[in-house]
């Protein structure tokens, strides 16, 4: 259905992507790329996080990924158009302790000379494009979440989540697939999240209507 007025995506460089009906910004929602200033984090355009008690702009890294330090050996990569609800946490690999010895106590962390070598787990955490992480979801070290996945509220995610899967629970398990295998392959090939902003705006009706043929007809 055509829109009665022009639609444009918000400026991806802005901090607050949502403007309320009275014209004021919704300060509880931020564009991740504009607030996550960290050498170990990559966040794609238009991905956002929301919080009912939002930190200041420079506090979002510690809120979302509290164990990721500037000297960490792993990375957190978040694709485009992801949606992160209140309470979501990324527990990255720096949080893990060595368990091969008698004790799991991290002695090396308490010695400045060895602190930066005290990371037994260096797996990246990777979130695909157009992923919705629900309220309070916990993403564990090394998790890889596919494009278009939906992570249920309170889910504890480890391992690999397939593209366009819906997962819930602890440990998170697939409860259903959003599309069949052929449709998933077609969506990944279209990669609409990489299109120019004006074309994505034009594709909004197809994206909201679950009209894959209409989306494909707009592909550049």
C-alpha atoms as a PDB file:
ATOM      1  CA  UNK A   1       0.000   0.000   0.000  1.00  0.00           C
ATOM      2  CA  UNK A   2       1.528   3.375  -0.965  1.00  0.00           C
ATOM      3  CA  UNK A   3       2.187   5.910   1.777  1.00  0.00           C
ATOM      4  CA  UNK A   4       0.299   9.209   1.833  1.00  0.00           C
ATOM      5  CA  UNK A   5       3.512  11.114   2.543  1.00  0.00           C
ATOM      6  CA  UNK A   6       7.183  10.656   1.629  1.00  0.00           C
ATOM      7  CA  UNK A   7       9.224   8.437   3.920  1.00  0.00           C
ATOM      8  CA  UNK A   8      12.945   8.718   4.539  1.00  0.00           C
ATOM      9  CA  UNK A   9      15.194   6.783   6.856  1.00  0.00           C
ATOM     10  CA  UNK A  10      16.683   8.789   9.739  1.00  0.00           C
ATOM     11  CA  UNK A  11      20.192  10.108   9.359  1.00  0.00           C
ATOM     12  CA  UNK A  12      22.363   7.114  10.353  1.00  0.00           C
ATOM     13  CA  UNK A  13      24.909   9.507  11.877  1.00  0.00           C
ATOM     14  CA  UNK A  14      22.356  10.943  14.319  1.00  0.00           C
ATOM     15  CA  UNK A  15      22.342   9.741  17.921  1.00  0.00           C
ATOM     16  CA  UNK A  16      18.589   9.420  18.363  1.00  0.00           C
ATOM     17  CA  UNK A  17      16.789   7.747  15.422  1.00  0.00           C
ATOM     18  CA  UNK A  18      13.231   8.125  16.746  1.00  0.00           C
ATOM     19  CA  UNK A  19      11.372  11.433  16.795  1.00  0.00           C
ATOM     20  CA  UNK A  20       8.200  11.561  18.865  1.00  0.00           C
ATOM     21  CA  UNK A  21       4.950  13.066  17.524  1.00  0.00           C
ATOM     22  CA  UNK A  22       5.660  16.320  19.377  1.00  0.00           C
ATOM     23  CA  UNK A  23       8.946  16.675  17.502  1.00  0.00           C
ATOM     24  CA  UNK A  24      11.276  15.785  20.365  1.00  0.00           C
ATOM     25  CA  UNK A  25      13.825  12.974  20.123  1.00  0.00           C
ATOM     26  CA  UNK A  26      13.245   9.755  22.036  1.00  0.00           C
ATOM     27  CA  UNK A  27      16.402   9.825  24.159  1.00  0.00           C
ATOM     28  CA  UNK A  28      16.018   6.236  25.281  1.00  0.00           C
ATOM     29  CA  UNK A  29      16.882   4.959  21.800  1.00  0.00           C
ATOM     30  CA  UNK A  30      20.251   5.451  20.105  1.00  0.00           C
ATOM     31  CA  UNK A  31      21.957   4.592  16.854  1.00  0.00           C
ATOM     32  CA  UNK A  32      24.709   2.197  17.923  1.00  0.00           C
ATOM     33  CA  UNK A  33      27.269   3.454  15.418  1.00  0.00           C
ATOM     34  CA  UNK A  34      26.972   6.927  16.929  1.00  0.00           C
ATOM     35  CA  UNK A  35      27.544   5.927  20.566  1.00  0.00           C
ATOM     36  CA  UNK A  36      29.726   2.780  20.557  1.00  0.00           C
ATOM     37  CA  UNK A  37      33.185   4.305  20.271  1.00  0.00           C
ATOM     38  CA  UNK A  38      35.329   1.253  20.951  1.00  0.00           C
ATOM     39  CA  UNK A  39      38.241  -0.352  19.085  1.00  0.00           C
ATOM     40  CA  UNK A  40      36.713  -3.835  19.405  1.00  0.00           C
ATOM     41  CA  UNK A  41      33.175  -3.010  18.238  1.00  0.00           C
ATOM     42  CA  UNK A  42      31.707  -2.594  14.772  1.00  0.00           C
ATOM     43  CA  UNK A  43      28.069  -1.529  14.460  1.00  0.00           C
ATOM     44  CA  UNK A  44      26.232  -1.157  11.174  1.00  0.00           C
ATOM     45  CA  UNK A  45      24.116   1.755  10.028  1.00  0.00           C
ATOM     46  CA  UNK A  46      20.585   2.106  11.440  1.00  0.00           C
ATOM     47  CA  UNK A  47      21.108  -0.512  14.146  1.00  0.00           C
ATOM     48  CA  UNK A  48      19.742   0.807  17.412  1.00  0.00           C
ATOM     49  CA  UNK A  49      19.395   0.001  21.108  1.00  0.00           C
ATOM     50  CA  UNK A  50      16.716   1.102  23.556  1.00  0.00           C
ATOM     51  CA  UNK A  51      16.817   1.374  27.340  1.00  0.00           C
ATOM     52  CA  UNK A  52      14.281   2.579  29.911  1.00  0.00           C
ATOM     53  CA  UNK A  53      17.154   4.039  31.945  1.00  0.00           C
ATOM     54  CA  UNK A  54      19.495   5.153  29.201  1.00  0.00           C
ATOM     55  CA  UNK A  55      23.108   5.909  30.028  1.00  0.00           C
ATOM     56  CA  UNK A  56      24.850   8.993  28.672  1.00  0.00           C
ATOM     57  CA  UNK A  57      26.015   8.598  25.081  1.00  0.00           C
ATOM     58  CA  UNK A  58      29.495   7.512  26.176  1.00  0.00           C
ATOM     59  CA  UNK A  59      28.062   4.894  28.541  1.00  0.00           C
ATOM     60  CA  UNK A  60      26.368   2.610  26.028  1.00  0.00           C
ATOM     61  CA  UNK A  61      29.406   0.380  25.462  1.00  0.00           C
ATOM     62  CA  UNK A  62      29.645  -0.505  29.156  1.00  0.00           C
ATOM     63  CA  UNK A  63      25.878  -1.013  29.297  1.00  0.00           C
ATOM     64  CA  UNK A  64      25.678  -3.412  26.356  1.00  0.00           C
ATOM     65  CA  UNK A  65      29.074  -5.150  26.477  1.00  0.00           C
ATOM     66  CA  UNK A  66      30.392  -4.729  30.034  1.00  0.00           C
ATOM     67  CA  UNK A  67      33.312  -7.166  29.662  1.00  0.00           C
ATOM     68  CA  UNK A  68      34.687  -5.770  26.420  1.00  0.00           C
ATOM     69  CA  UNK A  69      37.767  -3.670  27.147  1.00  0.00           C
ATOM     70  CA  UNK A  70      39.948  -1.610  24.794  1.00  0.00           C
ATOM     71  CA  UNK A  71      42.702  -4.231  25.167  1.00  0.00           C
ATOM     72  CA  UNK A  72      40.380  -7.205  24.645  1.00  0.00           C
ATOM     73  CA  UNK A  73      41.443  -9.760  22.051  1.00  0.00           C
ATOM     74  CA  UNK A  74      37.962 -10.417  20.664  1.00  0.00           C
ATOM     75  CA  UNK A  75      35.484  -8.314  18.740  1.00  0.00           C
ATOM     76  CA  UNK A  76      31.760  -7.609  18.718  1.00  0.00           C
ATOM     77  CA  UNK A  77      30.316  -7.111  15.247  1.00  0.00           C
ATOM     78  CA  UNK A  78      26.725  -5.980  14.770  1.00  0.00           C
ATOM     79  CA  UNK A  79      25.164  -5.730  11.326  1.00  0.00           C
ATOM     80  CA  UNK A  80      22.807  -3.156   9.859  1.00  0.00           C
ATOM     81  CA  UNK A  81      19.193  -2.552  10.937  1.00  0.00           C
ATOM     82  CA  UNK A  82      19.477  -4.526  14.190  1.00  0.00           C
ATOM     83  CA  UNK A  83      17.056  -3.806  17.014  1.00  0.00           C
ATOM     84  CA  UNK A  84      18.251  -4.249  20.594  1.00  0.00           C
ATOM     85  CA  UNK A  85      15.748  -4.082  23.431  1.00  0.00           C
ATOM     86  CA  UNK A  86      16.170  -3.021  27.049  1.00  0.00           C
ATOM     87  CA  UNK A  87      18.328  -5.322  29.133  1.00  0.00           C
ATOM     88  CA  UNK A  88      20.183  -7.057  26.299  1.00  0.00           C
ATOM     89  CA  UNK A  89      23.793  -7.866  27.210  1.00  0.00           C
ATOM     90  CA  UNK A  90      26.676  -9.170  25.145  1.00  0.00           C
ATOM     91  CA  UNK A  91      28.897 -11.245  27.429  1.00  0.00           C
ATOM     92  CA  UNK A  92      31.985 -11.287  25.249  1.00  0.00           C
ATOM     93  CA  UNK A  93      34.977 -13.610  25.408  1.00  0.00           C
ATOM     94  CA  UNK A  94      36.965 -11.415  27.807  1.00  0.00           C
ATOM     95  CA  UNK A  95      34.559 -12.516  30.525  1.00  0.00           C
ATOM     96  CA  UNK A  96      35.711 -16.147  30.354  1.00  0.00           C
ATOM     97  CA  UNK A  97      38.242 -17.679  32.750  1.00  0.00           C
ATOM     98  CA  UNK A  98      40.745 -20.427  32.004  1.00  0.00           C
ATOM     99  CA  UNK A  99      39.427 -23.767  33.255  1.00  0.00           C
ATOM    100  CA  UNK A 100      42.199 -26.196  32.292  1.00  0.00           C
ATOM    101  CA  UNK A 101      44.002 -25.898  35.632  1.00  0.00           C
ATOM    102  CA  UNK A 102      43.061 -26.814  39.171  1.00  0.00           C
ATOM    103  CA  UNK A 103      41.592 -23.379  39.859  1.00  0.00           C
ATOM    104  CA  UNK A 104      39.521 -21.105  37.646  1.00  0.00           C
ATOM    105  CA  UNK A 105      40.715 -18.042  39.588  1.00  0.00           C
ATOM    106  CA  UNK A 106      42.180 -15.538  37.096  1.00  0.00           C
ATOM    107  CA  UNK A 107      45.547 -14.947  38.747  1.00  0.00           C
ATOM    108  CA  UNK A 108      46.952 -13.329  35.597  1.00  0.00           C
ATOM    109  CA  UNK A 109      44.313 -10.610  35.718  1.00  0.00           C
ATOM    110  CA  UNK A 110      45.611  -9.532  39.128  1.00  0.00           C
ATOM    111  CA  UNK A 111      49.148  -9.093  37.808  1.00  0.00           C
ATOM    112  CA  UNK A 112      49.583  -5.954  35.662  1.00  0.00           C
ATOM    113  CA  UNK A 113      52.486  -7.631  33.866  1.00  0.00           C
ATOM    114  CA  UNK A 114      50.290 -10.445  32.563  1.00  0.00           C
ATOM    115  CA  UNK A 115      46.849  -8.850  32.447  1.00  0.00           C
ATOM    116  CA  UNK A 116      46.741  -8.459  28.686  1.00  0.00           C
ATOM    117  CA  UNK A 117      47.775 -12.114  28.215  1.00  0.00           C
ATOM    118  CA  UNK A 118      45.074 -13.432  30.532  1.00  0.00           C
ATOM    119  CA  UNK A 119      42.448 -14.150  27.898  1.00  0.00           C
ATOM    120  CA  UNK A 120      41.919 -17.850  27.193  1.00  0.00           C
ATOM    121  CA  UNK A 121      38.908 -17.211  24.953  1.00  0.00           C
ATOM    122  CA  UNK A 122      39.281 -14.881  21.970  1.00  0.00           C
ATOM    123  CA  UNK A 123      36.205 -15.723  19.908  1.00  0.00           C
ATOM    124  CA  UNK A 124      34.352 -12.879  18.230  1.00  0.00           C
ATOM    125  CA  UNK A 125      30.638 -12.364  18.777  1.00  0.00           C
ATOM    126  CA  UNK A 126      28.868 -11.701  15.476  1.00  0.00           C
ATOM    127  CA  UNK A 127      25.334 -10.411  14.957  1.00  0.00           C
ATOM    128  CA  UNK A 128      23.975 -10.411  11.412  1.00  0.00           C
ATOM    129  CA  UNK A 129      21.750  -7.848   9.709  1.00  0.00           C
ATOM    130  CA  UNK A 130      18.127  -7.111  10.644  1.00  0.00           C
ATOM    131  CA  UNK A 131      18.318  -9.053  13.918  1.00  0.00           C
ATOM    132  CA  UNK A 132      15.828  -8.340  16.720  1.00  0.00           C
ATOM    133  CA  UNK A 133      17.124  -9.080  20.200  1.00  0.00           C
ATOM    134  CA  UNK A 134      14.247  -9.079  22.688  1.00  0.00           C
ATOM    135  CA  UNK A 135      14.046  -7.773  26.229  1.00  0.00           C
ATOM    136  CA  UNK A 136      16.767  -9.112  28.482  1.00  0.00           C
ATOM    137  CA  UNK A 137      18.397 -11.464  25.987  1.00  0.00           C
ATOM    138  CA  UNK A 138      21.887 -12.631  26.925  1.00  0.00           C
ATOM    139  CA  UNK A 139      24.384 -13.287  24.139  1.00  0.00           C
ATOM    140  CA  UNK A 140      27.317 -15.442  25.261  1.00  0.00           C
ATOM    141  CA  UNK A 141      30.930 -15.441  24.014  1.00  0.00           C
ATOM    142  CA  UNK A 142      31.424 -16.577  20.447  1.00  0.00           C
ATOM    143  CA  UNK A 143      27.735 -16.550  19.538  1.00  0.00           C
ATOM    144  CA  UNK A 144      26.948 -16.038  15.863  1.00  0.00           C
ATOM    145  CA  UNK A 145      23.450 -14.872  15.089  1.00  0.00           C
ATOM    146  CA  UNK A 146      22.314 -15.027  11.486  1.00  0.00           C
ATOM    147  CA  UNK A 147      20.569 -12.403   9.375  1.00  0.00           C
ATOM    148  CA  UNK A 148      16.907 -11.793  10.113  1.00  0.00           C
ATOM    149  CA  UNK A 149      16.907 -13.824  13.327  1.00  0.00           C
ATOM    150  CA  UNK A 150      14.595 -13.013  16.225  1.00  0.00           C
ATOM    151  CA  UNK A 151      15.915 -13.615  19.746  1.00  0.00           C
ATOM    152  CA  UNK A 152      13.117 -14.022  22.276  1.00  0.00           C
ATOM    153  CA  UNK A 153      12.919 -12.102  25.538  1.00  0.00           C
ATOM    154  CA  UNK A 154      15.238 -13.538  28.155  1.00  0.00           C
ATOM    155  CA  UNK A 155      16.865 -15.990  25.757  1.00  0.00           C
ATOM    156  CA  UNK A 156      20.428 -17.124  26.505  1.00  0.00           C
ATOM    157  CA  UNK A 157      22.201 -17.460  23.175  1.00  0.00           C
ATOM    158  CA  UNK A 158      25.311 -19.501  22.517  1.00  0.00           C
ATOM    159  CA  UNK A 159      26.666 -21.128  19.379  1.00  0.00           C
ATOM    160  CA  UNK A 160      25.120 -20.400  15.998  1.00  0.00           C
ATOM    161  CA  UNK A 161      21.614 -19.139  15.297  1.00  0.00           C
ATOM    162  CA  UNK A 162      20.560 -19.793  11.678  1.00  0.00           C
ATOM    163  CA  UNK A 163      19.478 -16.993   9.353  1.00  0.00           C
ATOM    164  CA  UNK A 164      15.821 -16.056   9.900  1.00  0.00           C
ATOM    165  CA  UNK A 165      15.358 -18.365  12.898  1.00  0.00           C
ATOM    166  CA  UNK A 166      13.246 -17.538  15.951  1.00  0.00           C
ATOM    167  CA  UNK A 167      14.933 -18.727  19.148  1.00  0.00           C
ATOM    168  CA  UNK A 168      13.764 -18.692  22.760  1.00  0.00           C
ATOM    169  CA  UNK A 169      14.731 -20.112  26.128  1.00  0.00           C
ATOM    170  CA  UNK A 170      17.872 -21.103  28.040  1.00  0.00           C
ATOM    171  CA  UNK A 171      19.750 -22.388  26.198  1.00  0.00           C
ATOM    172  CA  UNK A 172      18.163 -20.666  23.222  1.00  0.00           C
ATOM    173  CA  UNK A 173      16.701 -23.147  20.770  1.00  0.00           C
ATOM    174  CA  UNK A 174      15.022 -22.723  17.407  1.00  0.00           C
ATOM    175  CA  UNK A 175      11.231 -22.724  17.776  1.00  0.00           C
ATOM    176  CA  UNK A 176      10.495 -21.969  14.137  1.00  0.00           C
ATOM    177  CA  UNK A 177      11.947 -20.589  10.926  1.00  0.00           C
ATOM    178  CA  UNK A 178      10.517 -17.360   9.603  1.00  0.00           C
ATOM    179  CA  UNK A 179      10.894 -18.458   5.966  1.00  0.00           C
ATOM    180  CA  UNK A 180      11.658 -21.668   4.101  1.00  0.00           C
ATOM    181  CA  UNK A 181      15.172 -22.435   2.866  1.00  0.00           C
ATOM    182  CA  UNK A 182      14.592 -21.093  -0.655  1.00  0.00           C
ATOM    183  CA  UNK A 183      13.178 -17.831   0.686  1.00  0.00           C
ATOM    184  CA  UNK A 184      16.076 -17.429   3.116  1.00  0.00           C
ATOM    185  CA  UNK A 185      18.554 -17.897   0.292  1.00  0.00           C
ATOM    186  CA  UNK A 186      16.687 -15.340  -1.804  1.00  0.00           C
ATOM    187  CA  UNK A 187      16.603 -12.805   1.041  1.00  0.00           C
ATOM    188  CA  UNK A 188      20.314 -13.196   1.694  1.00  0.00           C
ATOM    189  CA  UNK A 189      21.031 -12.763  -2.007  1.00  0.00           C
ATOM    190  CA  UNK A 190      18.921  -9.597  -2.132  1.00  0.00           C
ATOM    191  CA  UNK A 191      20.724  -8.208   0.962  1.00  0.00           C
ATOM    192  CA  UNK A 192      18.314  -5.272   1.120  1.00  0.00           C
ATOM    193  CA  UNK A 193      20.162  -3.849   4.138  1.00  0.00           C
ATOM    194  CA  UNK A 194      23.045  -2.900   1.818  1.00  0.00           C
ATOM    195  CA  UNK A 195      20.872  -0.985  -0.648  1.00  0.00           C
ATOM    196  CA  UNK A 196      21.049   2.825  -0.875  1.00  0.00           C
ATOM    197  CA  UNK A 197      18.977   4.554   1.791  1.00  0.00           C
ATOM    198  CA  UNK A 198      16.481   6.025  -0.667  1.00  0.00           C
ATOM    199  CA  UNK A 199      15.849   2.611  -2.211  1.00  0.00           C
ATOM    200  CA  UNK A 200      15.342   1.001   1.206  1.00  0.00           C
ATOM    201  CA  UNK A 201      12.836   3.752   1.985  1.00  0.00           C
ATOM    202  CA  UNK A 202      10.975   2.935  -1.245  1.00  0.00           C
ATOM    203  CA  UNK A 203      11.049  -0.756  -0.310  1.00  0.00           C
ATOM    204  CA  UNK A 204       9.341  -0.139   3.037  1.00  0.00           C
ATOM    205  CA  UNK A 205       5.883  -1.326   1.844  1.00  0.00           C
ATOM    206  CA  UNK A 206       7.346  -4.594   0.539  1.00  0.00           C
ATOM    207  CA  UNK A 207       9.379  -5.158   3.699  1.00  0.00           C
ATOM    208  CA  UNK A 208       6.409  -4.520   5.970  1.00  0.00           C
ATOM    209  CA  UNK A 209       4.026  -6.587   3.823  1.00  0.00           C
ATOM    210  CA  UNK A 210       6.217  -9.708   3.587  1.00  0.00           C
ATOM    211  CA  UNK A 211       6.182  -9.323  -0.202  1.00  0.00           C
ATOM    212  CA  UNK A 212       9.375 -10.963  -1.430  1.00  0.00           C
ATOM    213  CA  UNK A 213       8.484 -10.577  -5.100  1.00  0.00           C
ATOM    214  CA  UNK A 214       7.879  -6.851  -4.674  1.00  0.00           C
ATOM    215  CA  UNK A 215      11.160  -6.519  -2.813  1.00  0.00           C
ATOM    216  CA  UNK A 216      13.014  -8.367  -5.557  1.00  0.00           C
ATOM    217  CA  UNK A 217      11.471  -6.099  -8.196  1.00  0.00           C
ATOM    218  CA  UNK A 218      13.123  -3.107  -6.510  1.00  0.00           C
ATOM    219  CA  UNK A 219      16.574  -4.647  -6.249  1.00  0.00           C
ATOM    220  CA  UNK A 220      19.326  -2.486  -7.772  1.00  0.00           C
END
